Amino acid sequence: MIVKSLEDIIGTEDETSGETWTSRRFLLKKDGVGFSVNDTLIKAGTESYFWYKNHIEAVYCIEGEGEIEKVETGDVYPIKPGTMYILDDHDKHYLRAKTQLRMVCVFNPPLVGTETHNEEGYYELLTE
């Protein structure tokens, strides 16, 4: 059994930040469960371009308001608490936060924990 609290993660190597986001990584590849789970904050008033070329990501919003735009089609979807989306086709997208967003993010394959977005917006597929 694995039991962790947010207080166990904040301020440790399992908390990673970028220009517009902070990711608190609860489950990683080393935990051996086949997926990873993050508690992610997206800063209010920001726009981020992401493309998970090597991962499938499911996201559940628990706080804040924003929107996601699918680059390929221009379709825009509102995000608010209770909204879930999955990037099941490795969708290139813009994530816009009107207010701070707090999201629960699940990745497959699991993250190892040191990933940050590269210049093309995606995580390299790391094994260690």
Foldseek 3Di string as FASTA:
>chain_A
DDDDDLVNFPPDLQWDDDPFKIWRWRDFVVVPPQKTKIWMKGAAADKAKAFAPPKKKKKAWQAAKWWKAFVVPRDIDIDHHGDMDIPPVRTTMMTHGNHMIIMMMMIGRGHHRPFDQDPVHHTDDDDD
